[in-house]
Amino acid sequence: MNRKTLSILSYITIIGWIVAFIKSKDLTPKSDLVTYHLKQGFGIFLVSFAVNIILSIVVMTVTSLYFLNYIGYAIFILWIFGIINAVNEQKKPIPVIGKMFEDQFGFIN
């Protein structure tokens, strides 16, 4: 797999992320693009997971706050931005939350 494919795959479910993570170890020379998108993809996954758990608890507790479920659409749009950046082979952070993940997840290096 080339670096563009691995970058895109890092956003496609956690299984795709794991495949991209394992295959990125085989690349020589090491690709900064793939590493960058692995960090962004893992970060958006964690944010999505945490937000979904929190929103599930909040909406189950206070049913009148059901409109908060639309936050999921915002996360989906951010995910699309990440894929677009990977397709264009750009190292741009995901809007709003991407800067948080640039220096995190040391195990990905």
N, C-alpha and C. Protein backbone atom coordinates (compact mmCIF):
# COMPACT_ATOMS: atom_id res chain seq x y z
N MET A 1 0.84 -1.18 0.00
CA MET A 1 0.00 0.00 0.00
C MET A 1 0.88 1.24 0.00
N ASN A 2 0.44 2.24 -0.73
CA ASN A 2 1.22 3.48 -0.75
C ASN A 2 0.78 4.39 0.39
N ARG A 3 1.49 5.49 0.55
CA ARG A 3 1.22 6.37 1.70
C ARG A 3 -0.12 7.08 1.61
N LYS A 4 -0.59 7.36 0.40
CA LYS A 4 -1.90 8.01 0.25
C LYS A 4 -3.01 7.05 0.69
N THR A 5 -2.94 5.82 0.28
CA THR A 5 -3.94 4.82 0.65
C THR A 5 -3.95 4.60 2.16
N LEU A 6 -2.78 4.52 2.76
CA LEU A 6 -2.71 4.33 4.21
C LEU A 6 -3.25 5.54 4.96
N SER A 7 -3.01 6.74 4.42
CA SER A 7 -3.54 7.95 5.05
C SER A 7 -5.06 7.95 5.04
N ILE A 8 -5.64 7.57 3.92
CA ILE A 8 -7.10 7.51 3.82
C ILE A 8 -7.66 6.42 4.72
N LEU A 9 -7.00 5.27 4.71
CA LEU A 9 -7.47 4.13 5.50
C LEU A 9 -7.45 4.42 7.00
N SER A 10 -6.60 5.34 7.42
CA SER A 10 -6.52 5.65 8.86
C SER A 10 -7.78 6.32 9.39
N TYR A 11 -8.67 6.76 8.51
CA TYR A 11 -9.93 7.36 8.95
C TYR A 11 -11.12 6.40 8.84
N ILE A 12 -10.94 5.27 8.17
CA ILE A 12 -12.05 4.37 7.89
C ILE A 12 -12.15 3.32 8.99
N THR A 13 -12.98 3.54 9.95
CA THR A 13 -13.23 2.69 11.13
C THR A 13 -11.95 2.38 11.90
N ILE A 14 -12.10 1.83 13.06
CA ILE A 14 -10.95 1.49 13.89
C ILE A 14 -10.18 0.32 13.28
N ILE A 15 -10.87 -0.57 12.57
CA ILE A 15 -10.20 -1.69 11.90
C ILE A 15 -9.28 -1.14 10.80
N GLY A 16 -9.78 -0.20 10.01
CA GLY A 16 -8.96 0.42 8.98
C GLY A 16 -7.76 1.13 9.58
N TRP A 17 -7.98 1.77 10.73
CA TRP A 17 -6.88 2.45 11.40
C TRP A 17 -5.81 1.44 11.82
N ILE A 18 -6.22 0.31 12.36
CA ILE A 18 -5.27 -0.71 12.80
C ILE A 18 -4.48 -1.25 11.61
N VAL A 19 -5.16 -1.50 10.50
CA VAL A 19 -4.48 -1.98 9.29
C VAL A 19 -3.46 -0.94 8.82
N ALA A 20 -3.87 0.33 8.78
CA ALA A 20 -2.96 1.40 8.34
C ALA A 20 -1.78 1.52 9.31
N PHE A 21 -2.03 1.37 10.59
CA PHE A 21 -0.97 1.46 11.60
C PHE A 21 0.06 0.34 11.40
N ILE A 22 -0.41 -0.88 11.19
CA ILE A 22 0.49 -2.02 11.01
C ILE A 22 1.26 -1.90 9.69
N LYS A 23 0.56 -1.54 8.63
CA LYS A 23 1.20 -1.42 7.32
C LYS A 23 2.17 -0.24 7.26
N SER A 24 1.93 0.79 8.07
CA SER A 24 2.84 1.95 8.05
C SER A 24 4.21 1.58 8.57
N LYS A 25 4.30 0.54 9.38
CA LYS A 25 5.60 0.09 9.89
C LYS A 25 6.46 -0.49 8.78
N ASP A 26 5.80 -0.96 7.68
CA ASP A 26 6.54 -1.57 6.56
C ASP A 26 7.09 -0.53 5.59
N LEU A 27 6.63 0.73 5.68
CA LEU A 27 7.07 1.76 4.74
C LEU A 27 8.52 2.16 5.00
N THR A 28 9.28 2.22 3.93
CA THR A 28 10.63 2.76 4.03
C THR A 28 10.82 3.73 2.88
N PRO A 29 11.20 4.94 3.08
CA PRO A 29 11.39 5.58 4.39
C PRO A 29 10.06 5.85 5.07
N LYS A 30 10.13 6.08 6.36
CA LYS A 30 8.92 6.33 7.15
C LYS A 30 8.21 7.57 6.63
N SER A 31 6.90 7.48 6.51
CA SER A 31 6.12 8.57 5.93
C SER A 31 5.54 9.47 7.03
N ASP A 32 5.90 10.74 7.00
CA ASP A 32 5.33 11.70 7.93
C ASP A 32 3.85 11.91 7.67
N LEU A 33 3.44 11.81 6.41
CA LEU A 33 2.03 11.98 6.05
C LEU A 33 1.16 10.91 6.69
N VAL A 34 1.59 9.67 6.62
CA VAL A 34 0.82 8.57 7.20
C VAL A 34 0.77 8.71 8.72
N THR A 35 1.90 9.03 9.33
CA THR A 35 1.93 9.22 10.78
C THR A 35 0.99 10.34 11.20
N TYR A 36 0.99 11.43 10.47
CA TYR A 36 0.13 12.56 10.79
C TYR A 36 -1.34 12.16 10.73
N HIS A 37 -1.74 11.47 9.67
CA HIS A 37 -3.15 11.09 9.52
C HIS A 37 -3.54 9.96 10.47
N LEU A 38 -2.59 9.13 10.87
CA LEU A 38 -2.89 8.14 11.90
C LEU A 38 -3.24 8.83 13.21
N LYS A 39 -2.49 9.86 13.55
CA LYS A 39 -2.79 10.62 14.77
C LYS A 39 -4.13 11.32 14.68
N GLN A 40 -4.40 11.95 13.55
CA GLN A 40 -5.68 12.65 13.37
C GLN A 40 -6.85 11.66 13.38
N GLY A 41 -6.69 10.53 12.71
CA GLY A 41 -7.75 9.53 12.66
C GLY A 41 -8.04 8.93 14.03
N PHE A 42 -6.97 8.65 14.79
CA PHE A 42 -7.16 8.10 16.14
C PHE A 42 -7.81 9.13 17.04
N GLY A 43 -7.42 10.39 16.88
CA GLY A 43 -8.01 11.46 17.69
C GLY A 43 -9.50 11.63 17.41
N ILE A 44 -9.89 11.63 16.15
CA ILE A 44 -11.31 11.80 15.82
C ILE A 44 -12.11 10.60 16.29
N PHE A 45 -11.50 9.41 16.26
CA PHE A 45 -12.17 8.23 16.78
C PHE A 45 -12.42 8.37 18.28
N LEU A 46 -11.39 8.80 19.03
CA LEU A 46 -11.56 8.96 20.48
C LEU A 46 -12.60 10.02 20.82
N VAL A 47 -12.56 11.14 20.11
CA VAL A 47 -13.54 12.20 20.35
C VAL A 47 -14.95 11.70 20.05
N SER A 48 -15.11 11.02 18.95
CA SER A 48 -16.41 10.48 18.55
C SER A 48 -16.93 9.49 19.60
N PHE A 49 -16.05 8.61 20.04
CA PHE A 49 -16.42 7.62 21.05
C PHE A 49 -16.87 8.29 22.35
N ALA A 50 -16.07 9.23 22.83
CA ALA A 50 -16.39 9.92 24.09
C ALA A 50 -17.68 10.72 23.98
N VAL A 51 -17.84 11.46 22.89
CA VAL A 51 -19.03 12.28 22.70
C VAL A 51 -20.28 11.40 22.62
N ASN A 52 -20.19 10.28 21.92
CA ASN A 52 -21.34 9.39 21.82
C ASN A 52 -21.75 8.81 23.17
N ILE A 53 -20.78 8.44 23.98
CA ILE A 53 -21.10 7.92 25.32
C ILE A 53 -21.74 9.00 26.17
N ILE A 54 -21.14 10.18 26.18
CA ILE A 54 -21.68 11.28 26.99
C ILE A 54 -23.08 11.67 26.53
N LEU A 55 -23.26 11.79 25.23
CA LEU A 55 -24.58 12.17 24.72
C LEU A 55 -25.62 11.10 24.99
N SER A 56 -25.24 9.85 24.92
CA SER A 56 -26.19 8.77 25.23
C SER A 56 -26.68 8.88 26.67
N ILE A 57 -25.75 9.13 27.57
CA ILE A 57 -26.13 9.25 28.98
C ILE A 57 -27.01 10.48 29.20
N VAL A 58 -26.62 11.61 28.62
CA VAL A 58 -27.37 12.85 28.81
C VAL A 58 -28.78 12.73 28.22
N VAL A 59 -28.88 12.19 27.02
CA VAL A 59 -30.20 12.11 26.37
C VAL A 59 -31.08 11.08 27.06
N MET A 60 -30.49 10.01 27.58
CA MET A 60 -31.30 9.04 28.32
C MET A 60 -31.79 9.61 29.64
N THR A 61 -30.99 10.48 30.25
CA THR A 61 -31.35 11.09 31.52
C THR A 61 -32.36 12.21 31.34
N VAL A 62 -32.09 13.10 30.40
CA VAL A 62 -32.96 14.25 30.14
C VAL A 62 -33.42 14.15 28.69
N THR A 63 -34.55 13.52 28.48
CA THR A 63 -35.00 13.24 27.12
C THR A 63 -35.32 14.50 26.31
N SER A 64 -35.59 15.60 26.97
CA SER A 64 -35.90 16.83 26.24
C SER A 64 -34.67 17.41 25.54
N LEU A 65 -33.49 16.87 25.82
CA LEU A 65 -32.26 17.32 25.18
C LEU A 65 -31.89 16.45 23.97
N TYR A 66 -32.86 15.80 23.36
CA TYR A 66 -32.62 14.91 22.23
C TYR A 66 -31.93 15.61 21.06
N PHE A 67 -32.13 16.92 20.94
CA PHE A 67 -31.53 17.67 19.83
C PHE A 67 -30.00 17.68 19.90
N LEU A 68 -29.43 17.33 21.05
CA LEU A 68 -27.97 17.27 21.18
C LEU A 68 -27.37 16.16 20.32
N ASN A 69 -28.20 15.23 19.89
CA ASN A 69 -27.71 14.15 19.02
C ASN A 69 -27.18 14.68 17.69
N TYR A 70 -27.55 15.90 17.34
CA TYR A 70 -27.05 16.49 16.09
C TYR A 70 -25.56 16.79 16.15
N ILE A 71 -24.97 16.75 17.32
CA ILE A 71 -23.53 16.92 17.44
C ILE A 71 -22.81 15.82 16.67
N GLY A 72 -23.44 14.67 16.57
CA GLY A 72 -22.87 13.57 15.79
C GLY A 72 -22.66 13.95 14.34
N TYR A 73 -23.55 14.74 13.79
CA TYR A 73 -23.38 15.20 12.40
C TYR A 73 -22.17 16.11 12.27
N ALA A 74 -21.93 16.92 13.27
CA ALA A 74 -20.76 17.81 13.24
C ALA A 74 -19.47 16.98 13.25
N ILE A 75 -19.43 15.92 14.04
CA ILE A 75 -18.25 15.05 14.09
C ILE A 75 -18.08 14.35 12.75
N PHE A 76 -19.18 13.95 12.13
CA PHE A 76 -19.12 13.32 10.81
C PHE A 76 -18.51 14.27 9.78
N ILE A 77 -18.89 15.54 9.84
CA ILE A 77 -18.35 16.54 8.91
C ILE A 77 -16.85 16.73 9.14
N LEU A 78 -16.43 16.74 10.40
CA LEU A 78 -14.99 16.85 10.71
C LEU A 78 -14.24 15.64 10.17
N TRP A 79 -14.85 14.47 10.27
CA TRP A 79 -14.26 13.24 9.76
C TRP A 79 -14.07 13.34 8.24
N ILE A 80 -15.05 13.90 7.55
CA ILE A 80 -14.97 14.10 6.09
C ILE A 80 -13.80 15.03 5.76
N PHE A 81 -13.62 16.10 6.55
CA PHE A 81 -12.49 17.01 6.33
C PHE A 81 -11.16 16.25 6.44
N GLY A 82 -11.06 15.35 7.40
CA GLY A 82 -9.84 14.56 7.56
C GLY A 82 -9.58 13.69 6.34
N ILE A 83 -10.62 13.05 5.82
CA ILE A 83 -10.46 12.21 4.64
C ILE A 83 -10.05 13.05 3.43
N ILE A 84 -10.66 14.22 3.28
CA ILE A 84 -10.31 15.10 2.16
C ILE A 84 -8.84 15.51 2.24
N ASN A 85 -8.36 15.83 3.43
CA ASN A 85 -6.95 16.18 3.59
C ASN A 85 -6.05 15.01 3.25
N ALA A 86 -6.47 13.80 3.61
CA ALA A 86 -5.67 12.61 3.29
C ALA A 86 -5.65 12.35 1.79
N VAL A 87 -6.79 12.52 1.13
CA VAL A 87 -6.85 12.32 -0.32
C VAL A 87 -5.95 13.32 -1.04
N ASN A 88 -5.93 14.55 -0.56
CA ASN A 88 -5.11 15.60 -1.18
C ASN A 88 -3.65 15.55 -0.71
N GLU A 89 -3.32 14.59 0.13
CA GLU A 89 -1.97 14.42 0.68
C GLU A 89 -1.48 15.68 1.38
N GLN A 90 -2.35 16.28 2.16
CA GLN A 90 -2.01 17.48 2.92
C GLN A 90 -1.93 17.15 4.40
N LYS A 91 -1.00 17.78 5.08
CA LYS A 91 -0.88 17.61 6.53
C LYS A 91 -1.56 18.80 7.21
N LYS A 92 -2.88 18.87 7.06
CA LYS A 92 -3.67 19.93 7.70
C LYS A 92 -4.49 19.29 8.81
N PRO A 93 -4.59 19.96 9.96
CA PRO A 93 -5.37 19.38 11.05
C PRO A 93 -6.88 19.43 10.75
N ILE A 94 -7.58 18.52 11.36
CA ILE A 94 -9.04 18.54 11.29
C ILE A 94 -9.49 19.83 11.96
N PRO A 95 -10.44 20.56 11.36
CA PRO A 95 -10.88 21.82 11.97
C PRO A 95 -11.37 21.62 13.40
N VAL A 96 -11.17 22.60 14.21
CA VAL A 96 -11.62 22.71 15.60
C VAL A 96 -10.84 21.80 16.55
N ILE A 97 -10.73 20.51 16.27
CA ILE A 97 -10.13 19.58 17.23
C ILE A 97 -8.79 19.01 16.80
N GLY A 98 -8.40 19.19 15.57
CA GLY A 98 -7.20 18.55 15.03
C GLY A 98 -5.89 18.98 15.66
N LYS A 99 -5.79 20.23 16.09
CA LYS A 99 -4.54 20.72 16.70
C LYS A 99 -4.21 19.96 17.97
N MET A 100 -5.23 19.48 18.67
CA MET A 100 -5.01 18.75 19.92
C MET A 100 -4.25 17.45 19.71
N PHE A 101 -4.35 16.87 18.52
CA PHE A 101 -3.80 15.54 18.28
C PHE A 101 -2.43 15.56 17.62
N GLU A 102 -1.94 16.71 17.21
CA GLU A 102 -0.68 16.75 16.48
C GLU A 102 0.51 16.28 17.32
N ASP A 103 0.53 16.59 18.60
CA ASP A 103 1.66 16.21 19.45
C ASP A 103 1.30 15.10 20.44
N GLN A 104 0.17 14.45 20.23
CA GLN A 104 -0.28 13.38 21.12
C GLN A 104 0.04 12.02 20.50
N PHE A 105 -0.25 10.99 21.23
CA PHE A 105 -0.15 9.60 20.77
C PHE A 105 1.26 9.25 20.33
N GLY A 106 2.18 9.31 21.25
CA GLY A 106 3.59 9.02 20.97
C GLY A 106 3.83 7.62 20.44
N PHE A 107 2.94 6.67 20.73
CA PHE A 107 3.11 5.31 20.26
C PHE A 107 2.98 5.18 18.74
N ILE A 108 2.44 6.21 18.08
CA ILE A 108 2.24 6.15 16.64
C ILE A 108 3.53 6.45 15.88
N ASN A 109 4.45 7.19 16.47
CA ASN A 109 5.69 7.55 15.78
C ASN A 109 6.41 6.37 15.31
